[in-house]
């Protein structure tokens, strides 16, 4: 899930980094909120599902994330994981694979050292 505010210039790179994952996400959702640019159209062109925040979002990024989670609540299974990333961020190609390995069999808890190491680009 990618909450996005006026990120038309960079959202395609963000989505591309998700598509390049060795273990790609099952679904990429961009939540444009309070945008005055073409973020939604750019996200759709890049292949993401677009879930626009309806109306004005006074809670900004957190509001966009909460809105999307509410919309997806009935579809999420207990063992599903949701990755939330900034719209101006790219991930290393093995980020999701490492996360999935580290989360396998866990419920809650802090991510292990290997996951934290992959949070930062060299």
PDB file of N, CA and C in Angstrom:
ATOM      1  N   UNK A   1       0.846  -1.170   0.000  1.00  0.00           N
ATOM      2  CA  UNK A   1       0.000   0.000   0.000  1.00  0.00           C
ATOM      3  C   UNK A   1       0.893   1.234   0.000  1.00  0.00           C
ATOM      4  N   UNK A   2       0.524   2.174  -0.856  1.00  0.00           N
ATOM      5  CA  UNK A   2       1.327   3.381  -1.023  1.00  0.00           C
ATOM      6  C   UNK A   2       0.421   4.603  -0.894  1.00  0.00           C
ATOM      7  N   UNK A   3       0.379   5.230   0.284  1.00  0.00           N
ATOM      8  CA  UNK A   3      -0.341   6.502   0.377  1.00  0.00           C
ATOM      9  C   UNK A   3       0.464   7.558  -0.376  1.00  0.00           C
ATOM     10  N   UNK A   4      -0.233   8.406  -1.130  1.00  0.00           N
ATOM     11  CA  UNK A   4       0.498   9.338  -1.990  1.00  0.00           C
ATOM     12  C   UNK A   4      -0.176  10.705  -2.039  1.00  0.00           C
ATOM     13  N   UNK A   5       0.623  11.728  -1.840  1.00  0.00           N
ATOM     14  CA  UNK A   5       0.151  13.116  -1.959  1.00  0.00           C
ATOM     15  C   UNK A   5       1.052  13.848  -2.939  1.00  0.00           C
ATOM     16  N   UNK A   6       0.504  14.182  -4.104  1.00  0.00           N
ATOM     17  CA  UNK A   6       1.250  14.921  -5.137  1.00  0.00           C
ATOM     18  C   UNK A   6       2.592  14.273  -5.461  1.00  0.00           C
ATOM     19  N   UNK A   7       2.534  13.004  -5.849  1.00  0.00           N
ATOM     20  CA  UNK A   7       3.740  12.240  -6.158  1.00  0.00           C
ATOM     21  C   UNK A   7       3.778  11.777  -7.615  1.00  0.00           C
ATOM     22  N   UNK A   8       3.110  12.510  -8.500  1.00  0.00           N
ATOM     23  CA  UNK A   8       3.034  12.099  -9.909  1.00  0.00           C
ATOM     24  C   UNK A   8       4.412  11.900 -10.538  1.00  0.00           C
ATOM     25  N   UNK A   9       5.390  12.682 -10.116  1.00  0.00           N
ATOM     26  CA  UNK A   9       6.720  12.603 -10.720  1.00  0.00           C
ATOM     27  C   UNK A   9       7.516  11.374 -10.300  1.00  0.00           C
ATOM     28  N   UNK A  10       7.165  10.743  -9.178  1.00  0.00           N
ATOM     29  CA  UNK A  10       7.987   9.643  -8.661  1.00  0.00           C
ATOM     30  C   UNK A  10       7.233   8.332  -8.452  1.00  0.00           C
ATOM     31  N   UNK A  11       5.916   8.351  -8.538  1.00  0.00           N
ATOM     32  CA  UNK A  11       5.140   7.160  -8.197  1.00  0.00           C
ATOM     33  C   UNK A  11       5.447   5.982  -9.120  1.00  0.00           C
ATOM     34  N   UNK A  12       5.738   6.223 -10.383  1.00  0.00           N
ATOM     35  CA  UNK A  12       6.063   5.125 -11.304  1.00  0.00           C
ATOM     36  C   UNK A  12       7.324   4.392 -10.854  1.00  0.00           C
ATOM     37  N   UNK A  13       8.334   5.120 -10.355  1.00  0.00           N
ATOM     38  CA  UNK A  13       9.553   4.474  -9.862  1.00  0.00           C
ATOM     39  C   UNK A  13       9.256   3.607  -8.640  1.00  0.00           C
ATOM     40  N   UNK A  14       8.388   4.102  -7.774  1.00  0.00           N
ATOM     41  CA  UNK A  14       8.011   3.357  -6.579  1.00  0.00           C
ATOM     42  C   UNK A  14       7.330   2.053  -6.971  1.00  0.00           C
ATOM     43  N   UNK A  15       6.376   2.135  -7.880  1.00  0.00           N
ATOM     44  CA  UNK A  15       5.653   0.944  -8.325  1.00  0.00           C
ATOM     45  C   UNK A  15       6.587  -0.006  -9.057  1.00  0.00           C
ATOM     46  N   UNK A  16       7.484   0.527  -9.858  1.00  0.00           N
ATOM     47  CA  UNK A  16       8.456  -0.321 -10.567  1.00  0.00           C
ATOM     48  C   UNK A  16       9.318  -1.092  -9.577  1.00  0.00           C
ATOM     49  N   UNK A  17       9.691  -0.465  -8.461  1.00  0.00           N
ATOM     50  CA  UNK A  17      10.523  -1.173  -7.481  1.00  0.00           C
ATOM     51  C   UNK A  17       9.745  -2.327  -6.846  1.00  0.00           C
ATOM     52  N   UNK A  18       8.434  -2.199  -6.754  1.00  0.00           N
ATOM     53  CA  UNK A  18       7.610  -3.302  -6.247  1.00  0.00           C
ATOM     54  C   UNK A  18       7.484  -4.402  -7.294  1.00  0.00           C
ATOM     55  N   UNK A  19       7.383  -4.032  -8.534  1.00  0.00           N
ATOM     56  CA  UNK A  19       7.266  -5.023  -9.614  1.00  0.00           C
ATOM     57  C   UNK A  19       8.570  -5.796  -9.808  1.00  0.00           C
ATOM     58  N   UNK A  20       9.702  -5.188  -9.446  1.00  0.00           N
ATOM     59  CA  UNK A  20      11.014  -5.841  -9.591  1.00  0.00           C
ATOM     60  C   UNK A  20      11.347  -6.770  -8.426  1.00  0.00           C
ATOM     61  N   UNK A  21      10.487  -6.853  -7.443  1.00  0.00           N
ATOM     62  CA  UNK A  21      10.773  -7.693  -6.281  1.00  0.00           C
ATOM     63  C   UNK A  21      10.939  -9.150  -6.696  1.00  0.00           C
ATOM     64  N   UNK A  22      11.889  -9.867  -6.066  1.00  0.00           N
ATOM     65  CA  UNK A  22      12.052 -11.297  -6.321  1.00  0.00           C
ATOM     66  C   UNK A  22      10.832 -12.060  -5.817  1.00  0.00           C
ATOM     67  N   UNK A  23      10.127 -11.494  -4.873  1.00  0.00           N
ATOM     68  CA  UNK A  23       8.869 -12.040  -4.366  1.00  0.00           C
ATOM     69  C   UNK A  23       7.861 -10.889  -4.396  1.00  0.00           C
ATOM     70  N   UNK A  24       7.259 -10.639  -5.562  1.00  0.00           N
ATOM     71  CA  UNK A  24       6.431  -9.439  -5.710  1.00  0.00           C
ATOM     72  C   UNK A  24       5.172  -9.485  -4.846  1.00  0.00           C
ATOM     73  N   UNK A  25       4.647  -8.313  -4.524  1.00  0.00           N
ATOM     74  CA  UNK A  25       3.404  -8.275  -3.751  1.00  0.00           C
ATOM     75  C   UNK A  25       2.248  -8.830  -4.581  1.00  0.00           C
ATOM     76  N   UNK A  26       1.253  -9.372  -3.895  1.00  0.00           N
ATOM     77  CA  UNK A  26       0.072  -9.876  -4.580  1.00  0.00           C
ATOM     78  C   UNK A  26      -0.735  -8.737  -5.186  1.00  0.00           C
ATOM     79  N   UNK A  27      -0.663  -7.580  -4.573  1.00  0.00           N
ATOM     80  CA  UNK A  27      -1.458  -6.438  -5.001  1.00  0.00           C
ATOM     81  C   UNK A  27      -0.721  -5.162  -4.610  1.00  0.00           C
ATOM     82  N   UNK A  28      -0.688  -4.201  -5.497  1.00  0.00           N
ATOM     83  CA  UNK A  28      -0.116  -2.890  -5.196  1.00  0.00           C
ATOM     84  C   UNK A  28      -1.242  -1.868  -5.265  1.00  0.00           C
ATOM     85  N   UNK A  29      -1.502  -1.222  -4.146  1.00  0.00           N
ATOM     86  CA  UNK A  29      -2.566  -0.236  -4.056  1.00  0.00           C
ATOM     87  C   UNK A  29      -1.955   1.122  -3.763  1.00  0.00           C
ATOM     88  N   UNK A  30      -2.293   2.104  -4.572  1.00  0.00           N
ATOM     89  CA  UNK A  30      -1.886   3.488  -4.327  1.00  0.00           C
ATOM     90  C   UNK A  30      -3.126   4.232  -3.854  1.00  0.00           C
ATOM     91  N   UNK A  31      -2.971   4.983  -2.761  1.00  0.00           N
ATOM     92  CA  UNK A  31      -4.077   5.745  -2.180  1.00  0.00           C
ATOM     93  C   UNK A  31      -3.761   7.236  -2.325  1.00  0.00           C
ATOM     94  N   UNK A  32      -4.158   7.829  -3.458  1.00  0.00           N
ATOM     95  CA  UNK A  32      -3.942   9.267  -3.617  1.00  0.00           C
ATOM     96  C   UNK A  32      -4.857  10.030  -2.657  1.00  0.00           C
ATOM     97  N   UNK A  33      -4.293  11.022  -1.990  1.00  0.00           N
ATOM     98  CA  UNK A  33      -5.119  11.808  -1.069  1.00  0.00           C
ATOM     99  C   UNK A  33      -4.699  13.265  -1.111  1.00  0.00           C
ATOM    100  N   UNK A  34      -5.690  14.132  -1.230  1.00  0.00           N
ATOM    101  CA  UNK A  34      -5.485  15.580  -1.294  1.00  0.00           C
ATOM    102  C   UNK A  34      -4.549  15.985  -2.433  1.00  0.00           C
ATOM    103  N   UNK A  35      -4.560  15.234  -3.506  1.00  0.00           N
ATOM    104  CA  UNK A  35      -3.661  15.523  -4.625  1.00  0.00           C
ATOM    105  C   UNK A  35      -4.203  16.633  -5.514  1.00  0.00           C
ATOM    106  N   UNK A  36      -3.272  17.450  -5.993  1.00  0.00           N
ATOM    107  CA  UNK A  36      -3.620  18.474  -6.980  1.00  0.00           C
ATOM    108  C   UNK A  36      -2.862  18.224  -8.281  1.00  0.00           C
ATOM    109  N   UNK A  37      -2.231  17.062  -8.379  1.00  0.00           N
ATOM    110  CA  UNK A  37      -1.499  16.703  -9.592  1.00  0.00           C
ATOM    111  C   UNK A  37      -2.076  15.405 -10.159  1.00  0.00           C
ATOM    112  N   UNK A  38      -1.345  14.744 -11.009  1.00  0.00           N
ATOM    113  CA  UNK A  38      -1.810  13.547 -11.718  1.00  0.00           C
ATOM    114  C   UNK A  38      -1.325  12.253 -11.068  1.00  0.00           C
ATOM    115  N   UNK A  39      -1.191  12.234  -9.750  1.00  0.00           N
ATOM    116  CA  UNK A  39      -0.703  11.045  -9.052  1.00  0.00           C
ATOM    117  C   UNK A  39      -1.534   9.815  -9.385  1.00  0.00           C
ATOM    118  N   UNK A  40      -2.848   9.915  -9.316  1.00  0.00           N
ATOM    119  CA  UNK A  40      -3.714   8.752  -9.561  1.00  0.00           C
ATOM    120  C   UNK A  40      -3.513   8.204 -10.975  1.00  0.00           C
ATOM    121  N   UNK A  41      -3.488   9.081 -11.969  1.00  0.00           N
ATOM    122  CA  UNK A  41      -3.315   8.634 -13.348  1.00  0.00           C
ATOM    123  C   UNK A  41      -1.937   8.002 -13.555  1.00  0.00           C
ATOM    124  N   UNK A  42      -0.903   8.594 -12.970  1.00  0.00           N
ATOM    125  CA  UNK A  42       0.449   8.048 -13.103  1.00  0.00           C
ATOM    126  C   UNK A  42       0.542   6.674 -12.439  1.00  0.00           C
ATOM    127  N   UNK A  43      -0.097   6.510 -11.301  1.00  0.00           N
ATOM    128  CA  UNK A  43      -0.094   5.216 -10.607  1.00  0.00           C
ATOM    129  C   UNK A  43      -0.820   4.162 -11.434  1.00  0.00           C
ATOM    130  N   UNK A  44      -1.939   4.521 -12.005  1.00  0.00           N
ATOM    131  CA  UNK A  44      -2.691   3.580 -12.837  1.00  0.00           C
ATOM    132  C   UNK A  44      -1.875   3.186 -14.068  1.00  0.00           C
ATOM    133  N   UNK A  45      -1.219   4.157 -14.709  1.00  0.00           N
ATOM    134  CA  UNK A  45      -0.382   3.848 -15.883  1.00  0.00           C
ATOM    135  C   UNK A  45       0.756   2.907 -15.519  1.00  0.00           C
ATOM    136  N   UNK A  46       1.247   3.012 -14.292  1.00  0.00           N
ATOM    137  CA  UNK A  46       2.360   2.166 -13.846  1.00  0.00           C
ATOM    138  C   UNK A  46       1.896   0.783 -13.409  1.00  0.00           C
ATOM    139  N   UNK A  47       0.582   0.559 -13.399  1.00  0.00           N
ATOM    140  CA  UNK A  47       0.074  -0.777 -13.110  1.00  0.00           C
ATOM    141  C   UNK A  47      -0.466  -1.012 -11.712  1.00  0.00           C
ATOM    142  N   UNK A  48      -0.592   0.040 -10.928  1.00  0.00           N
ATOM    143  CA  UNK A  48      -1.122  -0.122  -9.570  1.00  0.00           C
ATOM    144  C   UNK A  48      -2.642  -0.039  -9.579  1.00  0.00           C
ATOM    145  N   UNK A  49      -3.248  -0.640  -8.568  1.00  0.00           N
ATOM    146  CA  UNK A  49      -4.668  -0.414  -8.309  1.00  0.00           C
ATOM    147  C   UNK A  49      -4.751   0.922  -7.576  1.00  0.00           C
ATOM    148  N   UNK A  50      -5.649   1.766  -7.980  1.00  0.00           N
ATOM    149  CA  UNK A  50      -5.763   3.089  -7.386  1.00  0.00           C
ATOM    150  C   UNK A  50      -7.039   3.147  -6.562  1.00  0.00           C
ATOM    151  N   UNK A  51      -6.895   3.528  -5.310  1.00  0.00           N
ATOM    152  CA  UNK A  51      -8.016   3.667  -4.381  1.00  0.00           C
ATOM    153  C   UNK A  51      -8.003   5.095  -3.854  1.00  0.00           C
ATOM    154  N   UNK A  52      -8.631   6.017  -4.576  1.00  0.00           N
ATOM    155  CA  UNK A  52      -8.586   7.423  -4.158  1.00  0.00           C
ATOM    156  C   UNK A  52      -9.326   7.642  -2.847  1.00  0.00           C
ATOM    157  N   UNK A  53      -8.759   8.469  -2.011  1.00  0.00           N
ATOM    158  CA  UNK A  53      -9.436   8.870  -0.785  1.00  0.00           C
ATOM    159  C   UNK A  53     -10.605   9.765  -1.188  1.00  0.00           C
ATOM    160  N   UNK A  54     -11.801   9.483  -0.672  1.00  0.00           N
ATOM    161  CA  UNK A  54     -12.949  10.299  -1.079  1.00  0.00           C
ATOM    162  C   UNK A  54     -12.956  11.657  -0.369  1.00  0.00           C
ATOM    163  N   UNK A  55     -12.990  12.715  -1.130  1.00  0.00           N
ATOM    164  CA  UNK A  55     -13.049  14.045  -0.530  1.00  0.00           C
ATOM    165  C   UNK A  55     -11.733  14.485   0.068  1.00  0.00           C
ATOM    166  N   UNK A  56     -11.821  15.458   0.973  1.00  0.00           N
ATOM    167  CA  UNK A  56     -10.632  15.993   1.637  1.00  0.00           C
ATOM    168  C   UNK A  56     -10.220  15.075   2.782  1.00  0.00           C
ATOM    169  N   UNK A  57      -8.938  14.812   2.904  1.00  0.00           N
ATOM    170  CA  UNK A  57      -8.397  13.938   3.943  1.00  0.00           C
ATOM    171  C   UNK A  57      -7.651  14.792   4.971  1.00  0.00           C
ATOM    172  N   UNK A  58      -8.273  15.093   6.109  1.00  0.00           N
ATOM    173  CA  UNK A  58      -7.606  15.932   7.104  1.00  0.00           C
ATOM    174  C   UNK A  58      -6.474  15.207   7.837  1.00  0.00           C
ATOM    175  N   UNK A  59      -6.449  13.885   7.752  1.00  0.00           N
ATOM    176  CA  UNK A  59      -5.451  13.101   8.494  1.00  0.00           C
ATOM    177  C   UNK A  59      -4.277  12.660   7.632  1.00  0.00           C
ATOM    178  N   UNK A  60      -4.199  13.171   6.430  1.00  0.00           N
ATOM    179  CA  UNK A  60      -3.073  12.994   5.529  1.00  0.00           C
ATOM    180  C   UNK A  60      -2.646  11.532   5.380  1.00  0.00           C
ATOM    181  N   UNK A  61      -1.354  11.215   5.548  1.00  0.00           N
ATOM    182  CA  UNK A  61      -0.861   9.862   5.285  1.00  0.00           C
ATOM    183  C   UNK A  61      -1.564   8.817   6.160  1.00  0.00           C
ATOM    184  N   UNK A  62      -1.679   9.081   7.439  1.00  0.00           N
ATOM    185  CA  UNK A  62      -2.336   8.125   8.336  1.00  0.00           C
ATOM    186  C   UNK A  62      -3.794   7.923   7.934  1.00  0.00           C
ATOM    187  N   UNK A  63      -4.454   8.990   7.531  1.00  0.00           N
ATOM    188  CA  UNK A  63      -5.836   8.875   7.086  1.00  0.00           C
ATOM    189  C   UNK A  63      -5.965   8.016   5.842  1.00  0.00           C
ATOM    190  N   UNK A  64      -5.029   8.174   4.907  1.00  0.00           N
ATOM    191  CA  UNK A  64      -5.047   7.376   3.682  1.00  0.00           C
ATOM    192  C   UNK A  64      -4.822   5.902   3.990  1.00  0.00           C
ATOM    193  N   UNK A  65      -3.866   5.616   4.863  1.00  0.00           N
ATOM    194  CA  UNK A  65      -3.591   4.225   5.241  1.00  0.00           C
ATOM    195  C   UNK A  65      -4.807   3.620   5.942  1.00  0.00           C
ATOM    196  N   UNK A  66      -5.353   4.331   6.904  1.00  0.00           N
ATOM    197  CA  UNK A  66      -6.515   3.817   7.627  1.00  0.00           C
ATOM    198  C   UNK A  66      -7.702   3.599   6.704  1.00  0.00           C
ATOM    199  N   UNK A  67      -7.927   4.518   5.779  1.00  0.00           N
ATOM    200  CA  UNK A  67      -9.022   4.370   4.819  1.00  0.00           C
ATOM    201  C   UNK A  67      -8.844   3.092   3.997  1.00  0.00           C
ATOM    202  N   UNK A  68      -7.657   2.881   3.462  1.00  0.00           N
ATOM    203  CA  UNK A  68      -7.408   1.696   2.644  1.00  0.00           C
ATOM    204  C   UNK A  68      -7.566   0.413   3.463  1.00  0.00           C
ATOM    205  N   UNK A  69      -7.056   0.411   4.685  1.00  0.00           N
ATOM    206  CA  UNK A  69      -7.201  -0.781   5.527  1.00  0.00           C
ATOM    207  C   UNK A  69      -8.666  -1.071   5.821  1.00  0.00           C
ATOM    208  N   UNK A  70      -9.450  -0.025   6.020  1.00  0.00           N
ATOM    209  CA  UNK A  70     -10.895  -0.219   6.232  1.00  0.00           C
ATOM    210  C   UNK A  70     -11.541  -0.824   4.990  1.00  0.00           C
ATOM    211  N   UNK A  71     -11.146  -0.361   3.809  1.00  0.00           N
ATOM    212  CA  UNK A  71     -11.724  -0.877   2.572  1.00  0.00           C
ATOM    213  C   UNK A  71     -11.329  -2.328   2.321  1.00  0.00           C
ATOM    214  N   UNK A  72     -10.146  -2.714   2.780  1.00  0.00           N
ATOM    215  CA  UNK A  72      -9.630  -4.063   2.544  1.00  0.00           C
ATOM    216  C   UNK A  72      -9.942  -5.042   3.669  1.00  0.00           C
ATOM    217  N   UNK A  73     -10.458  -4.565   4.771  1.00  0.00           N
ATOM    218  CA  UNK A  73     -10.613  -5.390   5.976  1.00  0.00           C
ATOM    219  C   UNK A  73     -11.315  -6.711   5.709  1.00  0.00           C
ATOM    220  N   UNK A  74     -12.360  -6.709   4.933  1.00  0.00           N
ATOM    221  CA  UNK A  74     -13.112  -7.942   4.674  1.00  0.00           C
ATOM    222  C   UNK A  74     -12.362  -8.910   3.766  1.00  0.00           C
ATOM    223  N   UNK A  75     -11.371  -8.427   3.046  1.00  0.00           N
ATOM    224  CA  UNK A  75     -10.643  -9.271   2.103  1.00  0.00           C
ATOM    225  C   UNK A  75      -9.350  -9.838   2.688  1.00  0.00           C
ATOM    226  N   UNK A  76      -8.849  -9.228   3.755  1.00  0.00           N
ATOM    227  CA  UNK A  76      -7.588  -9.678   4.340  1.00  0.00           C
ATOM    228  C   UNK A  76      -7.800 -10.934   5.168  1.00  0.00           C
ATOM    229  N   UNK A  77      -6.896 -11.891   4.995  1.00  0.00           N
ATOM    230  CA  UNK A  77      -6.923 -13.127   5.779  1.00  0.00           C
ATOM    231  C   UNK A  77      -5.998 -12.949   6.981  1.00  0.00           C
ATOM    232  N   UNK A  78      -6.197 -13.752   8.013  1.00  0.00           N
ATOM    233  CA  UNK A  78      -5.382 -13.586   9.230  1.00  0.00           C
ATOM    234  C   UNK A  78      -3.870 -13.630   8.996  1.00  0.00           C
ATOM    235  N   UNK A  79      -3.398 -14.384   8.024  1.00  0.00           N
ATOM    236  CA  UNK A  79      -1.953 -14.499   7.808  1.00  0.00           C
ATOM    237  C   UNK A  79      -1.432 -13.536   6.740  1.00  0.00           C
ATOM    238  N   UNK A  80      -2.293 -12.685   6.195  1.00  0.00           N
ATOM    239  CA  UNK A  80      -1.841 -11.691   5.222  1.00  0.00           C
ATOM    240  C   UNK A  80      -0.993 -10.634   5.916  1.00  0.00           C
ATOM    241  N   UNK A  81      -0.067 -10.092   5.178  1.00  0.00           N
ATOM    242  CA  UNK A  81       0.754  -8.980   5.667  1.00  0.00           C
ATOM    243  C   UNK A  81       0.545  -7.797   4.725  1.00  0.00           C
ATOM    244  N   UNK A  82       0.563  -6.614   5.290  1.00  0.00           N
ATOM    245  CA  UNK A  82       0.405  -5.401   4.497  1.00  0.00           C
ATOM    246  C   UNK A  82       1.681  -4.580   4.648  1.00  0.00           C
ATOM    247  N   UNK A  83       2.295  -4.282   3.528  1.00  0.00           N
ATOM    248  CA  UNK A  83       3.471  -3.416   3.497  1.00  0.00           C
ATOM    249  C   UNK A  83       2.995  -2.021   3.134  1.00  0.00           C
ATOM    250  N   UNK A  84       3.331  -1.049   3.950  1.00  0.00           N
ATOM    251  CA  UNK A  84       3.021   0.347   3.660  1.00  0.00           C
ATOM    252  C   UNK A  84       4.346   1.041   3.384  1.00  0.00           C
ATOM    253  N   UNK A  85       4.429   1.693   2.228  1.00  0.00           N
ATOM    254  CA  UNK A  85       5.669   2.386   1.898  1.00  0.00           C
ATOM    255  C   UNK A  85       5.361   3.780   1.374  1.00  0.00           C
ATOM    256  N   UNK A  86       6.302   4.674   1.543  1.00  0.00           N
ATOM    257  CA  UNK A  86       6.147   6.035   1.052  1.00  0.00           C
ATOM    258  C   UNK A  86       6.173   6.055  -0.473  1.00  0.00           C
ATOM    259  N   UNK A  87       5.479   7.004  -1.036  1.00  0.00           N
ATOM    260  CA  UNK A  87       5.350   7.101  -2.485  1.00  0.00           C
ATOM    261  C   UNK A  87       6.619   7.592  -3.169  1.00  0.00           C
ATOM    262  N   UNK A  88       7.565   8.112  -2.428  1.00  0.00           N
ATOM    263  CA  UNK A  88       8.820   8.579  -3.027  1.00  0.00           C
ATOM    264  C   UNK A  88       9.979   7.670  -2.631  1.00  0.00           C
ATOM    265  N   UNK A  89       9.671   6.385  -2.427  1.00  0.00           N
ATOM    266  CA  UNK A  89      10.652   5.417  -1.964  1.00  0.00           C
ATOM    267  C   UNK A  89      10.766   4.275  -2.968  1.00  0.00           C
ATOM    268  N   UNK A  90      11.953   3.696  -3.066  1.00  0.00           N
ATOM    269  CA  UNK A  90      12.123   2.458  -3.820  1.00  0.00           C
ATOM    270  C   UNK A  90      12.753   1.435  -2.891  1.00  0.00           C
ATOM    271  N   UNK A  91      12.472   0.165  -3.172  1.00  0.00           N
ATOM    272  CA  UNK A  91      12.968  -0.922  -2.325  1.00  0.00           C
ATOM    273  C   UNK A  91      13.997  -1.758  -3.069  1.00  0.00           C
ATOM    274  N   UNK A  92      14.931  -2.316  -2.323  1.00  0.00           N
ATOM    275  CA  UNK A  92      15.858  -3.272  -2.911  1.00  0.00           C
ATOM    276  C   UNK A  92      15.054  -4.472  -3.405  1.00  0.00           C
ATOM    277  N   UNK A  93      15.506  -5.156  -4.458  1.00  0.00           N
ATOM    278  CA  UNK A  93      14.706  -6.221  -5.076  1.00  0.00           C
ATOM    279  C   UNK A  93      14.342  -7.399  -4.165  1.00  0.00           C
ATOM    280  N   UNK A  94      15.084  -7.627  -3.102  1.00  0.00           N
ATOM    281  CA  UNK A  94      14.765  -8.769  -2.228  1.00  0.00           C
ATOM    282  C   UNK A  94      14.069  -8.350  -0.933  1.00  0.00           C
ATOM    283  N   UNK A  95      13.637  -7.104  -0.837  1.00  0.00           N
ATOM    284  CA  UNK A  95      13.045  -6.605   0.398  1.00  0.00           C
ATOM    285  C   UNK A  95      11.837  -7.438   0.842  1.00  0.00           C
ATOM    286  N   UNK A  96      10.897  -7.667  -0.049  1.00  0.00           N
ATOM    287  CA  UNK A  96       9.684  -8.406   0.333  1.00  0.00           C
ATOM    288  C   UNK A  96      10.015  -9.868   0.618  1.00  0.00           C
ATOM    289  N   UNK A  97      10.889 -10.482  -0.158  1.00  0.00           N
ATOM    290  CA  UNK A  97      11.263 -11.876   0.098  1.00  0.00           C
ATOM    291  C   UNK A  97      11.867 -12.035   1.490  1.00  0.00           C
ATOM    292  N   UNK A  98      12.754 -11.130   1.859  1.00  0.00           N
ATOM    293  CA  UNK A  98      13.367 -11.177   3.187  1.00  0.00           C
ATOM    294  C   UNK A  98      12.300 -10.967   4.260  1.00  0.00           C
ATOM    295  N   UNK A  99      11.416 -10.023   4.036  1.00  0.00           N
ATOM    296  CA  UNK A  99      10.337  -9.788   4.990  1.00  0.00           C
ATOM    297  C   UNK A  99       9.447 -10.999   5.152  1.00  0.00           C
ATOM    298  N   UNK A 100       9.078 -11.629   4.053  1.00  0.00           N
ATOM    299  CA  UNK A 100       8.224 -12.822   4.129  1.00  0.00           C
ATOM    300  C   UNK A 100       8.920 -13.952   4.878  1.00  0.00           C
ATOM    301  N   UNK A 101      10.199 -14.162   4.618  1.00  0.00           N
ATOM    302  CA  UNK A 101      10.932 -15.218   5.342  1.00  0.00           C
ATOM    303  C   UNK A 101      10.970 -14.928   6.832  1.00  0.00           C
ATOM    304  N   UNK A 102      11.214 -13.677   7.180  1.00  0.00           N
ATOM    305  CA  UNK A 102      11.322 -13.324   8.591  1.00  0.00           C
ATOM    306  C   UNK A 102       9.984 -13.325   9.303  1.00  0.00           C
ATOM    307  N   UNK A 103       8.909 -13.096   8.583  1.00  0.00           N
ATOM    308  CA  UNK A 103       7.589 -13.081   9.199  1.00  0.00           C
ATOM    309  C   UNK A 103       6.915 -14.446   9.198  1.00  0.00           C
ATOM    310  N   UNK A 104       7.427 -15.388   8.435  1.00  0.00           N
ATOM    311  CA  UNK A 104       6.809 -16.709   8.343  1.00  0.00           C
ATOM    312  C   UNK A 104       6.695 -17.344   9.727  1.00  0.00           C
ATOM    313  N   UNK A 105       5.491 -17.729  10.076  1.00  0.00           N
ATOM    314  CA  UNK A 105       5.263 -18.395  11.355  1.00  0.00           C
ATOM    315  C   UNK A 105       5.177 -17.477  12.546  1.00  0.00           C
ATOM    316  N   UNK A 106       5.305 -16.190  12.325  1.00  0.00           N
ATOM    317  CA  UNK A 106       5.247 -15.238  13.440  1.00  0.00           C
ATOM    318  C   UNK A 106       3.902 -14.536  13.466  1.00  0.00           C
ATOM    319  N   UNK A 107       3.507 -14.166  14.653  1.00  0.00           N
ATOM    320  CA  UNK A 107       2.337 -13.305  14.818  1.00  0.00           C
ATOM    321  C   UNK A 107       2.805 -12.135  15.647  1.00  0.00           C
ATOM    322  N   UNK A 108       2.812 -10.934  15.045  1.00  0.00           N
ATOM    323  CA  UNK A 108       3.274  -9.744  15.767  1.00  0.00           C
ATOM    324  C   UNK A 108       4.775  -9.795  16.000  1.00  0.00           C
ATOM    325  N   UNK A 109       5.234  -9.007  16.936  1.00  0.00           N
ATOM    326  CA  UNK A 109       6.649  -8.982  17.276  1.00  0.00           C
ATOM    327  C   UNK A 109       7.433  -8.010  16.421  1.00  0.00           C
ATOM    328  N   UNK A 110       8.679  -7.806  16.786  1.00  0.00           N
ATOM    329  CA  UNK A 110       9.554  -6.893  16.061  1.00  0.00           C
ATOM    330  C   UNK A 110      10.246  -7.623  14.936  1.00  0.00           C
ATOM    331  N   UNK A 111      10.506  -6.937  13.826  1.00  0.00           N
ATOM    332  CA  UNK A 111      11.229  -7.599  12.745  1.00  0.00           C
ATOM    333  C   UNK A 111      12.659  -7.901  13.174  1.00  0.00           C
ATOM    334  N   UNK A 112      13.177  -8.985  12.650  1.00  0.00           N
ATOM    335  CA  UNK A 112      14.541  -9.394  12.981  1.00  0.00           C
ATOM    336  C   UNK A 112      15.575  -8.472  12.379  1.00  0.00           C
ATOM    337  N   UNK A 113      16.820  -8.693  12.757  1.00  0.00           N
ATOM    338  CA  UNK A 113      17.921  -7.861  12.298  1.00  0.00           C
ATOM    339  C   UNK A 113      18.052  -7.879  10.773  1.00  0.00           C
ATOM    340  N   UNK A 114      17.790  -9.043  10.143  1.00  0.00           N
ATOM    341  CA  UNK A 114      17.913  -9.133   8.687  1.00  0.00           C
ATOM    342  C   UNK A 114      16.911  -8.224   7.997  1.00  0.00           C
ATOM    343  N   UNK A 115      15.690  -8.117   8.525  1.00  0.00           N
ATOM    344  CA  UNK A 115      14.696  -7.236   7.920  1.00  0.00           C
ATOM    345  C   UNK A 115      15.125  -5.791   8.087  1.00  0.00           C
ATOM    346  N   UNK A 116      15.548  -5.412   9.279  1.00  0.00           N
ATOM    347  CA  UNK A 116      15.966  -4.028   9.503  1.00  0.00           C
ATOM    348  C   UNK A 116      17.126  -3.651   8.592  1.00  0.00           C
ATOM    349  N   UNK A 117      18.045  -4.583   8.353  1.00  0.00           N
ATOM    350  CA  UNK A 117      19.182  -4.312   7.489  1.00  0.00           C
ATOM    351  C   UNK A 117      18.703  -3.973   6.068  1.00  0.00           C
ATOM    352  N   UNK A 118      17.608  -4.591   5.620  1.00  0.00           N
ATOM    353  CA  UNK A 118      17.103  -4.350   4.281  1.00  0.00           C
ATOM    354  C   UNK A 118      16.222  -3.104   4.198  1.00  0.00           C
ATOM    355  N   UNK A 119      15.957  -2.471   5.322  1.00  0.00           N
ATOM    356  CA  UNK A 119      15.185  -1.246   5.297  1.00  0.00           C
ATOM    357  C   UNK A 119      16.001  -0.088   4.761  1.00  0.00           C
ATOM    358  N   UNK A 120      17.308  -0.210   4.829  1.00  0.00           N
ATOM    359  CA  UNK A 120      18.193   0.890   4.411  1.00  0.00           C
ATOM    360  C   UNK A 120      18.895   0.509   3.119  1.00  0.00           C
ATOM    361  N   UNK A 121      18.992   1.466   2.254  1.00  0.00           N
ATOM    362  CA  UNK A 121      19.774   1.244   1.017  1.00  0.00           C
ATOM    363  C   UNK A 121      21.245   1.467   1.366  1.00  0.00           C
ATOM    364  N   UNK A 122      22.133   0.708   0.730  1.00  0.00           N
ATOM    365  CA  UNK A 122      23.580   0.913   0.995  1.00  0.00           C
ATOM    366  C   UNK A 122      24.057   2.251   0.488  1.00  0.00           C
TER     367      UNK A 122
END
